[in-house]
Protein backbone atom coordinates (compact mmCIF):
# COMPACT_ATOMS: atom_id res chain seq x y z
CA MET A 1 53.51 190.44 189.50
CA VAL A 2 55.83 191.40 192.16
CA ARG A 3 59.28 192.69 191.23
CA LYS A 4 60.43 194.72 194.53
CA ALA A 5 61.84 193.17 197.63
CA VAL A 6 63.07 194.73 201.05
CA ILE A 7 65.89 192.93 202.98
CA LEU A 8 66.56 193.57 206.56
CA ALA A 9 70.27 194.11 207.36
CA ALA A 10 70.25 196.96 209.71
CA GLY A 11 70.60 194.99 213.40
CA LEU A 12 73.70 194.45 215.20
CA SER A 13 73.76 190.57 215.85
CA THR A 14 75.18 190.06 219.28
CA ARG A 15 74.05 185.98 219.76
CA THR A 16 76.09 185.27 216.53
CA TYR A 17 79.40 186.90 218.48
CA PRO A 18 81.95 186.68 218.02
CA LEU A 19 81.41 186.35 214.42
CA THR A 20 79.57 189.57 213.98
CA VAL A 21 81.38 191.95 216.44
CA LYS A 22 83.13 193.44 213.45
CA LYS A 23 80.85 192.53 210.56
CA PRO A 24 77.15 192.57 209.78
CA LYS A 25 75.57 189.30 210.32
CA PRO A 26 74.16 189.05 206.52
CA LEU A 27 77.81 189.34 205.36
CA LEU A 28 78.69 186.09 207.19
CA LYS A 29 80.14 183.45 204.26
CA LEU A 30 77.48 180.56 204.00
CA ALA A 31 79.87 178.13 201.19
CA ASN A 32 82.67 181.06 200.74
CA GLU A 33 79.45 183.55 199.39
CA PRO A 34 78.00 186.13 201.74
CA ASN A 35 74.52 184.85 202.75
CA LEU A 36 72.81 187.91 201.44
CA SER A 37 74.63 187.20 197.91
CA HIS A 38 72.57 184.07 198.04
CA LEU A 39 69.47 186.19 199.10
CA ILE A 40 69.65 188.28 196.15
CA ARG A 41 70.49 185.43 194.02
CA GLY A 42 67.25 183.45 195.37
CA LEU A 43 64.99 186.82 194.67
CA LYS A 44 66.33 187.04 191.47
CA CYS A 45 65.18 183.66 190.79
CA ALA A 46 61.68 184.73 192.38
CA GLY A 47 61.35 187.42 189.85
CA ILE A 48 62.77 190.38 191.80
CA GLU A 49 64.56 193.06 189.92
CA HIS A 50 64.67 195.76 192.65
CA VAL A 51 66.04 195.05 195.54
CA VAL A 52 66.34 197.22 198.89
CA ILE A 53 68.64 197.09 201.96
CA VAL A 54 68.04 198.20 205.06
CA VAL A 55 71.38 198.95 206.44
CA GLY A 56 72.50 200.28 210.27
CA PHE A 57 75.47 198.24 211.93
CA GLU A 58 78.78 198.48 209.65
CA ARG A 59 76.36 199.79 206.51
CA GLN A 60 79.55 200.58 204.71
CA GLN A 61 80.56 196.98 204.64
CA ILE A 62 77.50 195.89 202.72
CA GLU A 63 77.48 198.93 200.70
CA SER A 64 80.69 198.72 199.61
CA LYS A 65 80.40 194.65 198.69
CA PHE A 66 77.16 195.20 196.61
CA GLY A 67 77.17 198.84 195.30
CA ASN A 68 74.25 199.75 193.57
CA SER A 69 73.62 196.42 190.91
CA PHE A 70 74.40 192.90 191.56
CA GLU A 71 74.02 189.87 189.14
CA GLY A 72 71.36 192.36 187.26
CA VAL A 73 69.39 193.54 190.02
CA ARG A 74 68.99 197.01 190.90
CA ILE A 75 70.51 197.30 195.02
CA ASP A 76 69.38 200.35 196.82
CA TYR A 77 69.85 201.12 200.59
CA ALA A 78 67.40 202.76 203.45
CA LEU A 79 68.95 203.45 206.31
CA GLN A 80 67.67 202.40 209.74
CA GLU A 81 69.50 204.65 212.25
CA GLN A 82 67.97 203.10 215.74
CA ALA A 83 66.61 199.41 216.22
CA LEU A 84 63.24 200.10 216.51
CA GLY A 85 61.71 196.93 215.14
CA THR A 86 61.35 195.23 211.79
CA GLY A 87 57.99 197.33 210.75
CA HIS A 88 60.09 200.24 211.41
CA ALA A 89 62.83 199.07 208.84
CA VAL A 90 60.57 197.84 206.35
CA LEU A 91 59.02 202.18 206.51
CA GLN A 92 62.21 203.21 205.96
CA ALA A 93 62.28 201.85 202.40
CA GLU A 94 59.23 203.23 202.11
CA GLY A 95 60.21 205.29 198.93
CA PHE A 96 61.79 202.98 197.25
CA VAL A 97 58.50 200.30 197.09
CA LYS A 98 55.33 202.16 197.76
CA GLY A 99 52.74 201.69 195.52
CA GLU A 100 53.10 198.30 194.64
CA PRO A 101 53.17 194.78 196.09
CA PHE A 102 57.14 193.52 197.51
CA MET A 103 58.75 191.15 199.75
CA VAL A 104 59.79 191.57 203.17
CA VAL A 105 62.72 189.07 204.14
CA ASN A 106 65.56 188.75 206.89
CA GLY A 107 68.95 189.55 205.95
CA ASP A 108 70.31 186.81 208.45
CA ASP A 109 68.86 183.63 207.31
CA LEU A 110 69.15 181.40 204.53
CA LEU A 111 66.44 180.93 201.94
CA LEU A 112 66.78 179.18 198.83
CA PRO A 113 65.29 180.50 195.80
CA ASP A 114 62.37 177.48 195.45
CA ALA A 115 61.10 178.98 198.72
CA LEU A 116 61.53 182.55 197.81
CA ARG A 117 59.91 181.75 194.31
CA ASP A 118 56.58 180.24 196.24
CA GLY A 119 56.24 183.13 198.64
CA ALA A 120 56.53 186.02 195.56
CA ARG A 121 53.74 184.15 193.49
CA VAL A 122 50.98 184.70 196.03
CA VAL A 123 50.64 188.35 197.65
CA PRO A 124 49.78 188.56 200.45
CA SER A 125 51.83 185.57 202.19
CA LEU A 126 54.12 184.50 205.09
CA ILE A 127 56.91 181.70 204.04
CA VAL A 128 56.74 179.15 207.03
CA ALA A 129 58.99 176.19 207.79
CA TRP A 130 58.74 173.65 210.67
CA HIS A 131 61.70 173.57 213.25
CA HIS A 132 62.75 171.44 215.95
CA GLN A 133 63.20 173.97 218.19
CA PRO A 134 59.89 176.29 217.23
CA GLN A 135 60.34 178.39 220.55
CA ARG A 136 62.99 180.02 219.31
CA PHE A 137 60.75 181.83 216.86
CA GLY A 138 57.27 182.83 216.13
CA VAL A 139 54.96 179.61 215.97
CA VAL A 140 51.96 180.17 213.68
CA ASP A 141 48.10 179.13 212.95
CA VAL A 142 47.63 177.88 210.59
CA ALA A 143 44.24 176.38 208.77
CA ASN A 144 42.70 175.72 205.30
CA GLY A 145 46.32 176.96 204.06
CA TYR A 146 45.93 180.65 205.49
CA VAL A 147 47.20 181.90 208.78
CA HIS A 148 45.37 183.00 211.50
CA ARG A 149 47.82 183.83 214.62
CA ILE A 150 51.72 184.02 215.42
CA CYS A 151 52.12 183.27 218.91
CA GLU A 152 55.83 184.91 219.62
CA LYS A 153 58.08 182.90 220.92
CA PRO A 154 56.34 180.43 223.08
CA LYS A 155 57.71 178.83 226.58
CA GLU A 156 55.88 175.79 225.08
CA ALA A 157 54.91 174.30 221.71
CA PRO A 158 54.57 171.32 219.68
CA GLN A 159 57.60 169.50 218.62
CA LYS A 160 58.53 170.59 214.95
CA ALA A 161 55.40 173.34 214.87
CA LEU A 162 54.98 175.79 211.91
CA VAL A 163 56.80 178.82 212.50
CA SER A 164 57.67 182.12 210.50
CA THR A 165 60.67 182.66 208.69
CA GLY A 166 60.01 186.57 208.37
CA ALA A 167 59.86 186.03 204.80
CA TRP A 168 56.96 188.06 203.79
CA THR A 169 55.09 189.64 200.41
CA LEU A 170 52.58 192.27 201.51
CA PRO A 171 50.16 193.75 199.34
CA ALA A 172 51.26 198.11 198.63
CA GLU A 173 48.53 198.53 201.69
CA ALA A 174 51.14 197.07 204.21
CA LEU A 175 52.41 200.81 204.10
CA GLU A 176 50.00 202.42 205.12
CA TRP A 177 48.95 199.98 207.90
CA LEU A 178 52.42 199.98 209.66
CA ARG A 179 52.46 204.04 209.85
CA LYS A 180 49.14 203.78 211.49
CA LEU A 181 50.55 201.21 214.28
CA THR A 182 51.08 202.44 217.89
CA PRO A 183 54.80 201.47 218.59
CA ALA A 184 55.11 199.32 221.67
CA GLU A 185 56.59 200.21 225.34
CA ASP A 186 59.93 199.54 224.23
CA GLY A 187 59.22 201.97 220.97
CA GLU A 188 59.37 199.65 218.48
CA ILE A 189 56.89 199.14 215.46
CA ARG A 190 56.76 195.19 214.97
CA LEU A 191 56.09 193.87 211.03
CA PRO A 192 53.90 191.26 212.70
CA ASP A 193 51.46 193.29 214.59
CA ILE A 194 50.23 194.26 211.08
CA MET A 195 48.79 190.30 211.43
CA PRO A 196 45.01 191.70 211.71
CA ASN A 197 44.99 193.59 208.85
CA LEU A 198 46.71 190.51 206.81
CA VAL A 199 44.13 188.36 208.45
CA GLN A 200 41.23 190.07 207.59
CA VAL A 201 42.47 190.11 203.26
CA GLY A 202 43.74 186.69 204.00
CA LEU A 203 47.19 185.87 204.56
CA ARG A 204 48.51 182.42 202.81
CA ALA A 205 50.94 180.44 204.59
CA VAL A 206 53.54 179.19 202.63
CA VAL A 207 55.07 176.20 203.53
CA THR A 208 58.85 175.10 202.48
CA GLU A 209 60.55 171.95 203.32
CA GLY A 210 64.20 172.54 204.10
CA GLY A 211 64.40 176.00 201.81
CA TRP A 212 65.03 177.90 205.07
CA ILE A 213 68.09 177.55 207.74
CA PRO A 214 68.20 180.40 210.23
CA VAL A 215 71.52 182.15 211.51
CA THR A 216 70.98 182.85 215.10
CA TYR A 217 73.64 181.33 216.65
CA PRO A 218 77.22 181.28 215.68
CA TRP A 219 76.94 177.39 215.53
CA ASP A 220 74.11 177.91 212.92
CA VAL A 221 76.81 179.48 210.03
CA LEU A 222 78.26 175.33 210.03
CA LEU A 223 74.16 173.76 209.71
CA ALA A 224 73.83 176.69 206.90
CA THR A 225 76.78 175.56 205.10
CA LYS A 226 76.38 171.92 205.54
CA HIS A 227 72.56 172.05 204.22
CA LEU A 228 73.79 174.13 201.08
CA LEU A 229 76.67 171.67 200.69
CA ASN A 230 74.02 168.47 201.21
CA LEU A 231 72.34 169.70 198.58
CA TRP A 232 75.10 170.49 196.21
CA GLY A 233 74.57 169.19 192.68
CA THR A 234 70.96 169.54 192.98
CA GLU A 235 68.42 172.21 191.47
CA ARG A 236 67.72 173.99 194.73
CA VAL A 237 71.25 175.24 194.85
CA ASP A 238 72.17 175.42 190.68
CA ASN A 239 71.75 179.13 191.59
CA LEU A 240 73.83 179.07 194.57
CA LEU A 241 76.90 177.42 194.37
CA PRO A 242 78.96 176.69 191.68
CA THR A 243 79.83 173.03 190.10
CA PRO A 244 82.60 170.75 191.77
CA GLU A 245 85.22 171.62 189.81
CA VAL A 246 89.73 171.82 190.26
CA LEU A 247 90.85 175.16 188.98
CA GLY A 248 93.83 175.22 191.01
CA GLU A 249 96.66 172.80 191.37
CA VAL A 250 96.35 169.26 192.57
CA HIS A 251 99.39 167.49 193.57
CA PRO A 252 99.31 164.01 191.81
CA SER A 253 99.53 162.09 195.27
CA ALA A 254 96.57 164.10 196.46
CA GLU A 255 93.54 162.48 196.69
CA LEU A 256 89.89 164.29 196.06
CA VAL A 257 86.85 162.26 197.31
CA GLY A 258 83.24 162.95 196.15
CA ASP A 259 82.09 166.68 195.43
CA VAL A 260 85.35 168.73 196.03
CA ARG A 261 85.81 172.53 194.66
CA VAL A 262 89.42 173.98 194.19
CA GLU A 263 89.34 177.54 193.22
CA ALA A 264 91.68 178.85 191.12
CA GLY A 265 95.25 179.90 192.93
CA ALA A 266 94.21 177.17 195.41
CA LYS A 267 96.76 174.22 196.05
CA ILE A 268 96.78 170.81 197.20
CA GLY A 269 99.64 169.04 198.27
CA ALA A 270 101.37 165.72 198.26
CA GLY A 271 99.67 162.73 200.21
CA SER A 272 96.83 165.30 200.95
CA LYS A 273 92.82 164.20 200.78
CA ILE A 274 89.86 166.15 200.92
CA VAL A 275 86.68 163.96 200.97
CA GLY A 276 83.48 166.06 200.10
CA PRO A 277 81.59 167.85 199.76
CA SER A 278 84.46 170.27 200.29
CA ILE A 279 85.68 173.98 198.97
CA VAL A 280 88.86 175.14 198.91
CA GLY A 281 88.76 178.85 198.11
CA ALA A 282 90.92 180.79 195.78
CA GLY A 283 94.52 181.29 197.36
CA SER A 284 94.46 178.88 199.73
CA VAL A 285 97.11 176.35 200.21
CA VAL A 286 96.70 172.64 201.95
CA GLY A 287 100.09 171.72 202.60
CA GLU A 288 100.78 168.26 202.59
CA GLY A 289 99.44 165.02 204.48
CA CYS A 290 96.42 166.75 205.25
CA ASP A 291 93.10 165.84 206.07
CA ILE A 292 90.00 168.17 205.03
CA VAL A 293 86.70 165.88 205.62
CA ARG A 294 83.08 167.68 204.81
CA THR A 295 84.65 171.40 205.41
CA VAL A 296 85.01 175.40 203.50
CA ILE A 297 88.20 176.55 203.36
CA GLY A 298 88.22 180.67 202.59
CA GLU A 299 90.51 182.33 200.42
CA ASN A 300 94.23 182.83 201.20
CA CYS A 301 93.85 180.10 204.11
CA GLN A 302 97.06 178.27 205.36
CA ILE A 303 97.06 174.78 206.14
CA LYS A 304 100.05 173.17 207.53
CA GLN A 305 101.24 169.75 207.12
CA GLY A 306 99.46 167.00 208.71
CA ALA A 307 96.33 168.80 210.05
CA HIS A 308 93.23 167.40 209.92
CA ILE A 309 90.15 169.24 209.66
CA GLU A 310 86.47 167.90 209.71
CA ASP A 311 82.71 169.06 209.10
CA SER A 312 84.25 173.22 209.59
CA VAL A 313 83.99 175.91 208.67
CA LEU A 314 86.95 178.67 207.77
CA PHE A 315 86.65 181.99 206.44
CA ASP A 316 89.09 184.11 204.57
CA ASN A 317 92.86 184.45 205.56
CA VAL A 318 92.53 181.83 208.10
CA GLN A 319 95.97 179.87 209.44
CA VAL A 320 96.07 176.49 211.03
CA GLY A 321 99.35 174.78 212.46
CA GLU A 322 101.27 171.47 211.88
CA ASP A 323 99.16 168.32 213.02
CA ALA A 324 95.86 170.14 214.36
CA GLU A 325 93.31 168.09 214.90
CA ILE A 326 89.82 170.73 213.91
CA GLU A 327 86.23 169.70 213.80
CA TRP A 328 82.82 170.96 213.94
CA SER A 329 83.97 174.19 214.23
CA VAL A 330 83.90 177.74 212.53
CA PHE A 331 87.01 180.07 212.46
CA GLY A 332 87.06 184.00 211.90
CA ASP A 333 88.68 185.90 209.75
CA ASN A 334 92.46 185.98 210.03
CA ALA A 335 92.27 183.94 212.98
CA VAL A 336 95.87 181.77 213.72
CA VAL A 337 95.96 178.42 214.97
CA GLY A 338 99.17 176.96 216.38
CA LYS A 339 100.66 173.52 215.43
CA GLU A 340 98.90 170.37 217.18
CA VAL A 341 95.81 172.17 218.34
CA LYS A 342 92.81 169.77 219.50
CA VAL A 343 89.40 170.58 218.84
CA PHE A 344 86.74 168.45 220.71
CA SER A 345 83.26 168.00 219.56
CA LYS A 346 81.54 165.94 221.11
CA VAL A 347 80.40 165.20 224.85
CA PRO A 348 78.64 162.39 226.68
CA THR A 349 76.13 160.06 224.40
CA GLY A 350 72.60 161.40 224.07
CA ILE A 351 73.43 164.59 225.54
CA THR A 352 73.76 167.96 223.00
CA VAL A 353 76.27 170.84 223.48
CA ARG A 354 75.95 173.84 225.47
CA SER A 355 77.11 177.74 224.78
CA VAL A 356 76.70 180.57 226.45
CA VAL A 357 75.04 183.25 224.34
CA LYS A 358 74.37 186.63 226.52
CA GLY A 359 75.10 185.16 229.83
CA GLN A 360 72.78 182.06 229.29
CA LEU A 361 73.40 178.23 228.34
CA VAL A 362 71.70 177.34 225.21
CA ASP A 363 70.87 174.03 223.95
CA THR A 364 72.63 173.82 220.09
CA GLY A 365 70.67 170.91 219.63
CA MET A 366 73.97 169.48 217.85
CA GLU A 367 75.51 166.52 219.52
CA ARG A 368 78.48 167.31 217.74
CA PHE A 369 80.16 171.05 218.40
CA GLY A 370 83.35 172.21 219.05
CA CYS A 371 84.17 175.92 219.22
CA VAL A 372 83.99 179.13 217.58
CA ILE A 373 86.99 181.20 217.08
CA GLY A 374 86.47 185.15 216.18
CA ASP A 375 88.13 187.47 213.82
CA GLY A 376 91.94 187.77 214.36
CA ALA A 377 92.40 185.59 217.30
CA ARG A 378 95.30 184.15 217.88
CA ILE A 379 95.56 180.37 219.25
CA GLY A 380 98.83 178.84 220.86
CA ASP A 381 100.60 175.61 219.89
CA ARG A 382 98.99 172.47 221.67
CA CYS A 383 95.99 174.09 223.09
CA VAL A 384 92.85 171.65 223.47
CA PHE A 385 89.25 173.18 223.19
CA TYR A 386 86.01 171.12 224.75
CA PRO A 387 82.80 171.44 223.00
CA GLY A 388 80.81 174.78 223.15
CA VAL A 389 83.58 177.36 223.49
CA LYS A 390 83.78 180.13 221.97
CA VAL A 391 87.52 182.86 221.73
CA TRP A 392 86.70 186.48 220.77
CA VAL A 393 87.90 188.63 218.59
CA ASP A 394 91.89 189.18 218.66
CA LYS A 395 92.38 187.38 221.99
CA VAL A 396 95.22 185.34 222.65
CA VAL A 397 95.36 182.06 223.68
CA LEU A 398 98.79 181.20 225.28
CA PRO A 399 100.16 177.76 224.48
CA ARG A 400 99.39 174.74 225.99
CA SER A 401 95.90 176.00 227.51
CA GLU A 402 92.99 174.15 227.85
CA VAL A 403 89.98 176.61 227.00
CA ILE A 404 87.03 174.97 228.82
CA GLU A 405 84.81 178.34 228.56
CA ASP A 406 84.53 181.04 226.64
CA VAL A 407 87.52 183.57 226.08
CA ARG A 408 86.22 186.92 225.83
């Protein structure tokens, strides 16, 4: 039985900027809960009793959030001072897991409890999944249920090939194998480099369907959140999401349609309509005549009269002005959006939205994607945003601006 797991949460996640300029990616909220919370709950369902979180960038945020225990799971921390690879990260946790099999998961990605449970049952194993953009990941060669090879980020790969989720269940000997590795030219020790040892003993492929959503880019927050909400009410996420329920105040003339959760202290104003699956966080206020459609609103947000928000994620303390129209977007903590701001999310039919990441134009694979607004950014009245743009942390966009490229 596997009792321990290592969660890799040390990295500086630049591809998810501007959402992770100030916070570790594992703390990004999916359906109003940090992804680390989802992971630990899922690991608990898989029988894990002790989690070691490998921390680095902004470690204090993770440690203060989770402490030494989370919902009955013991938590310890291992520090990775330099980004020297996933294998190096695992070795930092050696003192906590040596002498017995253990799981390794990426703190960045959403993994559902059933996927983790299946992975924990087999030692050694690798959780694999189909993905429509396999070239972004390690493509796995599977035969007769065993992994024989991993090709990292190939230029060409069959559509919807099986890829590695980065979630491993390893034998105790894996630590010795990692110690014996020669670092790569860039100085990194990578976990997949012990593949020859794993293949020799037989590395099982554990296939999950819909149990893994990678969070690589900022728009993946939308996709992962939507995935959770679409599974709301099923056994797959029973341990991750609370039930649809009204704990706050809803005006008699407001309308709730479908699965909606209104947290304690939240208020829904007269004539507003909330279409599920949607969540309105604790202390948030939705003003009169608003339309909130398939959207997650964080804690202590203020949505002013007549705003329309669709298929979006708002983190905590976000303010949205009167008659704003927002769709398929992500707003960071403390962002302020003026009145009559308009966000477009769709480009000409048949063309997926592109967005710039680290100087490169990246295909999101999404037919609709609006904008990403960083923590503390301020958007002036009557601004217009075009698909795929991002505004960096604490930046100011002047009123009536047309935003056609990233604001940094």
